[in-house]
Amino acid sequence: MIYQKNYQDFVHCYLIESNKAIEIISSKTNKSLAIQYIGRLEHINDIYTIGDSYNDICMIEDYHGCIMKNSIKELKGRNYKEYDRVSDFIKDVLKNEI
């Protein structure tokens, strides 16, 4: 993670090496918190997620997470099931194979 001392209370910044870009995300929320909110609002108990980048880490850790095969190295090697396609992930979820 790129550390920006002046703004760390407001945003998280990540260098996306493959795109040579910087991803800037609010420090006040993340995908996991958004999923938690929607889950409570809609009374959803079983939530499954898939991701491949820094902004997916909390979501993957918190909600039956899997990763894409082209994920960042920080997600690799954590015993997450990997997929080539999201459609394959959905098929496994529907068959209760996650």
Foldseek 3Di string as FASTA:
>chain_A
DDDDPVQVQFWDWDQPVVVRDIDIGGPVDAPLVVCVVVCVVVVPDQFEDEEAEDRCVVVQVPHNYAYEPNHDPVPPPPPHHYDPDVVVVVVCVVVVND
